C-alpha atoms as a PDB file:
ATOM      1  CA  MET A   1     -82.726 -93.629-153.799  1.00  0.00           C
ATOM      2  CA  ALA A   2     -86.569 -94.563-154.620  1.00  0.00           C
ATOM      3  CA  ALA A   3     -87.194 -94.956-150.521  1.00  0.00           C
ATOM      4  CA  LEU A   4     -85.650 -91.985-149.574  1.00  0.00           C
ATOM      5  CA  ALA A   5     -87.763 -89.744-152.448  1.00  0.00           C
ATOM      6  CA  GLU A   6     -90.745 -91.361-151.893  1.00  0.00           C
ATOM      7  CA  PHE A   7     -90.458 -90.655-147.738  1.00  0.00           C
ATOM      8  CA  SER A   8     -89.568 -87.077-148.240  1.00  0.00           C
ATOM      9  CA  VAL A   9     -92.339 -86.565-150.684  1.00  0.00           C
ATOM     10  CA  ARG A  10     -95.293 -88.371-149.015  1.00  0.00           C
ATOM     11  CA  GLY A  11     -93.929 -88.631-145.646  1.00  0.00           C
ATOM     12  CA  PHE A  12     -93.260 -91.461-143.690  1.00  0.00           C
ATOM     13  CA  ASP A  13     -96.920 -92.162-142.255  1.00  0.00           C
ATOM     14  CA  SER A  14     -98.319 -92.237-145.571  1.00  0.00           C
ATOM     15  CA  ALA A  15     -95.496 -93.582-147.684  1.00  0.00           C
ATOM     16  CA  THR A  16     -95.782 -97.255-148.665  1.00  0.00           C
ATOM     17  CA  LEU A  17     -93.859 -99.969-149.000  1.00  0.00           C
ATOM     18  CA  ASP A  18     -95.896-100.790-152.252  1.00  0.00           C
ATOM     19  CA  ALA A  19     -94.922 -97.452-154.083  1.00  0.00           C
ATOM     20  CA  ILE A  20     -91.354 -97.488-152.522  1.00  0.00           C
ATOM     21  CA  ALA A  21     -91.041-100.770-154.262  1.00  0.00           C
ATOM     22  CA  VAL A  22     -92.717 -99.689-157.527  1.00  0.00           C
ATOM     23  CA  ALA A  23     -90.164 -96.449-157.549  1.00  0.00           C
ATOM     24  CA  ALA A  24     -87.301 -98.646-156.940  1.00  0.00           C
ATOM     25  CA  GLY A  25     -88.519-101.189-159.801  1.00  0.00           C
ATOM     26  CA  PHE A  26     -88.920-104.037-157.212  1.00  0.00           C
ATOM     27  CA  THR A  27     -91.543-106.258-155.752  1.00  0.00           C
ATOM     28  CA  LYS A  28     -92.956-105.487-152.528  1.00  0.00           C
ATOM     29  CA  GLY A  29     -91.825-109.016-151.579  1.00  0.00           C
ATOM     30  CA  ALA A  30     -88.273-108.230-152.874  1.00  0.00           C
ATOM     31  CA  VAL A  31     -88.596-104.974-150.365  1.00  0.00           C
ATOM     32  CA  TYR A  32     -90.091-107.253-147.693  1.00  0.00           C
ATOM     33  CA  SER A  33     -87.129-109.792-148.120  1.00  0.00           C
ATOM     34  CA  ASN A  34     -84.595-107.247-147.276  1.00  0.00           C
ATOM     35  CA  PHE A  35     -86.659-104.966-144.570  1.00  0.00           C
ATOM     36  CA  GLY A  36     -89.151-106.464-142.350  1.00  0.00           C
ATOM     37  CA  SER A  37     -91.041-102.885-142.093  1.00  0.00           C
ATOM     38  CA  LYS A  38     -90.562 -99.562-143.043  1.00  0.00           C
ATOM     39  CA  GLU A  39     -88.924 -98.435-139.505  1.00  0.00           C
ATOM     40  CA  ASP A  40     -86.439-101.405-140.780  1.00  0.00           C
ATOM     41  CA  LEU A  41     -85.919 -99.333-143.998  1.00  0.00           C
ATOM     42  CA  PHE A  42     -85.772 -95.953-142.286  1.00  0.00           C
ATOM     43  CA  TYR A  43     -83.052 -97.149-139.835  1.00  0.00           C
ATOM     44  CA  ALA A  44     -81.385 -98.674-143.172  1.00  0.00           C
ATOM     45  CA  LEU A  45     -81.368 -95.079-144.699  1.00  0.00           C
ATOM     46  CA  MET A  46     -80.189 -93.434-141.440  1.00  0.00           C
ATOM     47  CA  ASP A  47     -77.275 -95.786-141.047  1.00  0.00           C
ATOM     48  CA  GLN A  48     -76.326 -95.157-144.465  1.00  0.00           C
ATOM     49  CA  GLN A  49     -76.472 -91.277-143.888  1.00  0.00           C
ATOM     50  CA  ILE A  50     -75.157 -91.273-140.563  1.00  0.00           C
ATOM     51  CA  ASP A  51     -72.094 -93.623-142.149  1.00  0.00           C
ATOM     52  CA  THR A  52     -71.722 -91.159-144.783  1.00  0.00           C
ATOM     53  CA  ARG A  53     -71.528 -88.394-142.231  1.00  0.00           C
ATOM     54  CA  SER A  54     -69.434 -90.028-139.968  1.00  0.00           C
ATOM     55  CA  GLN A  55     -66.845 -90.740-142.467  1.00  0.00           C
ATOM     56  CA  LEU A  56     -66.964 -86.834-143.907  1.00  0.00           C
ATOM     57  CA  VAL A  57     -66.396 -85.764-140.465  1.00  0.00           C
ATOM     58  CA  ALA A  58     -63.143 -87.942-139.969  1.00  0.00           C
ATOM     59  CA  ASP A  59     -61.689 -87.402-143.535  1.00  0.00           C
ATOM     60  CA  VAL A  60     -62.352 -83.299-143.044  1.00  0.00           C
ATOM     61  CA  LEU A  61     -60.379 -83.372-139.452  1.00  0.00           C
ATOM     62  CA  ALA A  62     -57.633 -86.001-140.588  1.00  0.00           C
ATOM     63  CA  ASN A  63     -57.174 -83.462-143.907  1.00  0.00           C
ATOM     64  CA  LEU A  64     -57.507 -79.789-142.318  1.00  0.00           C
ATOM     65  CA  PRO A  65     -55.055 -77.541-143.386  1.00  0.00           C
ATOM     66  CA  ALA A  66     -52.369 -76.315-141.470  1.00  0.00           C
ATOM     67  CA  ASP A  67     -53.618 -72.739-141.620  1.00  0.00           C
ATOM     68  CA  ALA A  68     -56.410 -72.021-138.851  1.00  0.00           C
ATOM     69  CA  SER A  69     -58.717 -69.922-141.131  1.00  0.00           C
ATOM     70  CA  ASP A  70     -58.322 -72.342-144.215  1.00  0.00           C
ATOM     71  CA  ALA A  71     -59.174 -75.403-142.210  1.00  0.00           C
ATOM     72  CA  ARG A  72     -62.465 -73.629-140.606  1.00  0.00           C
ATOM     73  CA  THR A  73     -63.549 -72.680-144.347  1.00  0.00           C
ATOM     74  CA  ALA A  74     -62.779 -76.483-145.400  1.00  0.00           C
ATOM     75  CA  LEU A  75     -64.994 -77.704-142.097  1.00  0.00           C
ATOM     76  CA  GLY A  76     -67.611 -75.650-142.584  1.00  0.00           C
ATOM     77  CA  THR A  77     -68.164 -75.802-146.653  1.00  0.00           C
ATOM     78  CA  ARG A  78     -67.901 -79.849-146.225  1.00  0.00           C
ATOM     79  CA  LEU A  79     -70.580 -79.932-143.539  1.00  0.00           C
ATOM     80  CA  THR A  80     -72.759 -77.372-144.605  1.00  0.00           C
ATOM     81  CA  GLY A  81     -72.572 -78.623-148.073  1.00  0.00           C
ATOM     82  CA  ALA A  82     -73.807 -82.170-146.745  1.00  0.00           C
ATOM     83  CA  ILE A  83     -76.485 -80.600-145.045  1.00  0.00           C
ATOM     84  CA  VAL A  84     -77.732 -78.678-148.384  1.00  0.00           C
ATOM     85  CA  ALA A  85     -77.147 -81.582-150.592  1.00  0.00           C
ATOM     86  CA  ASN A  86     -79.382 -84.021-148.522  1.00  0.00           C
ATOM     87  CA  ARG A  87     -82.780 -82.404-148.283  1.00  0.00           C
ATOM     88  CA  GLU A  88     -84.560 -85.568-148.740  1.00  0.00           C
ATOM     89  CA  TRP A  89     -82.770 -86.845-146.247  1.00  0.00           C
ATOM     90  CA  GLN A  90     -83.557 -84.094-143.660  1.00  0.00           C
ATOM     91  CA  LEU A  91     -87.163 -84.151-144.379  1.00  0.00           C
ATOM     92  CA  LEU A  92     -87.217 -87.574-143.730  1.00  0.00           C
ATOM     93  CA  PHE A  93     -85.504 -86.984-140.403  1.00  0.00           C
ATOM     94  CA  MET A  94     -87.454 -84.371-138.953  1.00  0.00           C
ATOM     95  CA  ASP A  95     -90.572 -86.261-140.119  1.00  0.00           C
ATOM     96  CA  TYR A  96     -89.120 -89.275-138.107  1.00  0.00           C
ATOM     97  CA  TRP A  97     -88.289 -87.570-135.433  1.00  0.00           C
ATOM     98  CA  ALA A  98     -91.484 -85.640-134.698  1.00  0.00           C
ATOM     99  CA  ARG A  99     -93.100 -89.444-134.870  1.00  0.00           C
ATOM    100  CA  ALA A 100     -90.565 -90.987-132.474  1.00  0.00           C
ATOM    101  CA  LEU A 101     -91.376 -87.731-130.042  1.00  0.00           C
ATOM    102  CA  ARG A 102     -94.942 -88.926-130.152  1.00  0.00           C
ATOM    103  CA  ASP A 103     -95.090 -92.539-129.813  1.00  0.00           C
ATOM    104  CA  PRO A 104     -93.220 -94.259-126.866  1.00  0.00           C
ATOM    105  CA  ASP A 105     -91.954 -97.483-128.533  1.00  0.00           C
ATOM    106  CA  VAL A 106     -90.409 -95.703-131.672  1.00  0.00           C
ATOM    107  CA  GLY A 107     -88.812 -93.057-129.347  1.00  0.00           C
ATOM    108  CA  ALA A 108     -87.354 -95.996-127.517  1.00  0.00           C
ATOM    109  CA  ARG A 109     -85.906 -97.320-130.498  1.00  0.00           C
ATOM    110  CA  PHE A 110     -84.812 -94.015-132.046  1.00  0.00           C
ATOM    111  CA  ALA A 111     -83.105 -92.701-128.842  1.00  0.00           C
ATOM    112  CA  ASP A 112     -81.141 -96.192-128.976  1.00  0.00           C
ATOM    113  CA  HIS A 113     -80.146 -95.697-132.573  1.00  0.00           C
ATOM    114  CA  ARG A 114     -78.802 -92.121-131.692  1.00  0.00           C
ATOM    115  CA  ARG A 115     -76.821 -93.386-128.836  1.00  0.00           C
ATOM    116  CA  GLN A 116     -75.270 -95.297-131.632  1.00  0.00           C
ATOM    117  CA  VAL A 117     -75.008 -92.491-133.982  1.00  0.00           C
ATOM    118  CA  ARG A 118     -73.267 -90.472-131.408  1.00  0.00           C
ATOM    119  CA  ALA A 119     -70.836 -93.073-130.374  1.00  0.00           C
ATOM    120  CA  SER A 120     -69.835 -93.349-134.237  1.00  0.00           C
ATOM    121  CA  ILE A 121     -69.363 -89.610-134.581  1.00  0.00           C
ATOM    122  CA  THR A 122     -67.284 -89.363-131.162  1.00  0.00           C
ATOM    123  CA  GLU A 123     -65.270 -92.024-132.415  1.00  0.00           C
ATOM    124  CA  ALA A 124     -64.543 -90.096-135.383  1.00  0.00           C
ATOM    125  CA  VAL A 125     -63.527 -86.920-133.739  1.00  0.00           C
ATOM    126  CA  GLN A 126     -61.546 -89.011-131.254  1.00  0.00           C
ATOM    127  CA  GLN A 127     -59.361 -90.464-134.094  1.00  0.00           C
ATOM    128  CA  ALA A 128     -59.401 -86.693-135.341  1.00  0.00           C
ATOM    129  CA  LEU A 129     -57.417 -85.322-132.219  1.00  0.00           C
ATOM    130  CA  SER A 130     -53.913 -85.537-132.627  1.00  0.00           C
ATOM    131  CA  SER A 131     -51.049 -83.360-131.902  1.00  0.00           C
ATOM    132  CA  THR A 132     -51.983 -80.815-134.480  1.00  0.00           C
ATOM    133  CA  VAL A 133     -55.994 -80.806-133.736  1.00  0.00           C
ATOM    134  CA  THR A 134     -56.993 -80.368-129.955  1.00  0.00           C
ATOM    135  CA  THR A 135     -59.858 -79.414-127.863  1.00  0.00           C
ATOM    136  CA  ASP A 136     -60.207 -78.567-124.256  1.00  0.00           C
ATOM    137  CA  VAL A 137     -63.604 -80.410-124.232  1.00  0.00           C
ATOM    138  CA  PRO A 138     -64.446 -84.023-124.439  1.00  0.00           C
ATOM    139  CA  ALA A 139     -64.517 -85.680-127.733  1.00  0.00           C
ATOM    140  CA  GLU A 140     -68.408 -86.564-126.801  1.00  0.00           C
ATOM    141  CA  TRP A 141     -69.078 -82.667-126.397  1.00  0.00           C
ATOM    142  CA  VAL A 142     -67.475 -81.914-129.944  1.00  0.00           C
ATOM    143  CA  THR A 143     -70.298 -84.552-131.071  1.00  0.00           C
ATOM    144  CA  PHE A 144     -72.949 -83.148-129.342  1.00  0.00           C
ATOM    145  CA  VAL A 145     -72.598 -79.439-130.732  1.00  0.00           C
ATOM    146  CA  LEU A 146     -71.658 -81.031-134.565  1.00  0.00           C
ATOM    147  CA  LEU A 147     -74.891 -82.807-134.318  1.00  0.00           C
ATOM    148  CA  GLY A 148     -77.078 -80.038-132.697  1.00  0.00           C
ATOM    149  CA  LEU A 149     -75.505 -77.520-135.710  1.00  0.00           C
ATOM    150  CA  SER A 150     -76.292 -80.108-138.241  1.00  0.00           C
ATOM    151  CA  ASN A 151     -79.657 -80.725-137.260  1.00  0.00           C
ATOM    152  CA  GLY A 152     -80.627 -76.860-136.009  1.00  0.00           C
ATOM    153  CA  LEU A 153     -79.029 -75.497-139.434  1.00  0.00           C
ATOM    154  CA  ALA A 154     -81.069 -78.375-141.392  1.00  0.00           C
ATOM    155  CA  ILE A 155     -84.110 -76.831-140.041  1.00  0.00           C
ATOM    156  CA  GLU A 156     -83.333 -73.317-141.214  1.00  0.00           C
ATOM    157  CA  GLU A 157     -81.948 -74.501-144.596  1.00  0.00           C
ATOM    158  CA  LEU A 158     -85.276 -76.413-145.026  1.00  0.00           C
ATOM    159  CA  ALA A 159     -87.114 -73.348-144.084  1.00  0.00           C
ATOM    160  CA  GLU A 160     -85.338 -71.037-146.517  1.00  0.00           C
ATOM    161  CA  PRO A 161     -82.954 -72.869-148.816  1.00  0.00           C
ATOM    162  CA  GLY A 162     -79.633 -70.911-149.017  1.00  0.00           C
ATOM    163  CA  VAL A 163     -79.829 -69.257-145.686  1.00  0.00           C
ATOM    164  CA  VAL A 164     -77.214 -70.901-143.886  1.00  0.00           C
ATOM    165  CA  PRO A 165     -73.659 -69.452-144.202  1.00  0.00           C
ATOM    166  CA  VAL A 166     -71.342 -72.468-145.869  1.00  0.00           C
ATOM    167  CA  GLU A 167     -68.598 -71.147-143.102  1.00  0.00           C
ATOM    168  CA  LEU A 168     -71.010 -71.253-140.147  1.00  0.00           C
ATOM    169  CA  ILE A 169     -70.289 -74.865-138.832  1.00  0.00           C
ATOM    170  CA  GLY A 170     -66.483 -74.475-139.286  1.00  0.00           C
ATOM    171  CA  GLU A 171     -66.642 -70.844-137.826  1.00  0.00           C
ATOM    172  CA  VAL A 172     -68.469 -72.877-134.510  1.00  0.00           C
ATOM    173  CA  LEU A 173     -66.535 -75.730-134.432  1.00  0.00           C
ATOM    174  CA  GLY A 174     -63.132 -73.503-134.647  1.00  0.00           C
ATOM    175  CA  ARG A 175     -63.972 -72.215-131.303  1.00  0.00           C
ATOM    176  CA  LEU A 176     -64.082 -75.793-129.900  1.00  0.00           C
ATOM    177  CA  VAL A 177     -60.966 -77.093-132.336  1.00  0.00           C
ATOM    178  CA  THR A 178     -57.558 -75.965-132.515  1.00  0.00           C
ATOM    179  CA  VAL A 179     -55.890 -76.653-135.368  1.00  0.00           C
ATOM    180  CA  GLY A 180     -51.881 -76.045-135.709  1.00  0.00           C
END
């Protein structure tokens, strides 16, 4: 993931498609033939991350152990592990998020994309809800809590690697989702 590495080291604004192309072993023309702009490349990276996370959430919720404590541990370990393992993505996401807050045009596209992200994750949550996995709150709320925890804990993990307890997300979500 040359683009992700370049963005995370240099920041979104300082990274160039030339440098990304060189790091990836491509020409700038080859990069532009696939992505019309750095923004398009960022959103492709975001889509890839979200697809991976949505699938992770769906897999974890669909395969929770029957024991509630084991289910919380499994959920927390997998989701926190995704935060820790994706330091480069977290850096880029936070950088771009700040950019979106400062620029209304960027912000509008970012907000639209985030709505799509929430819809995708909510769908995964709804699919996971069954007679053995239930919640008393709307699936959309579970999504907001999941994203809020993920993004907020990523900030803490970036600032101080290893500080976020692996079971934390599972324990918090275990208050919203009942297994058994």
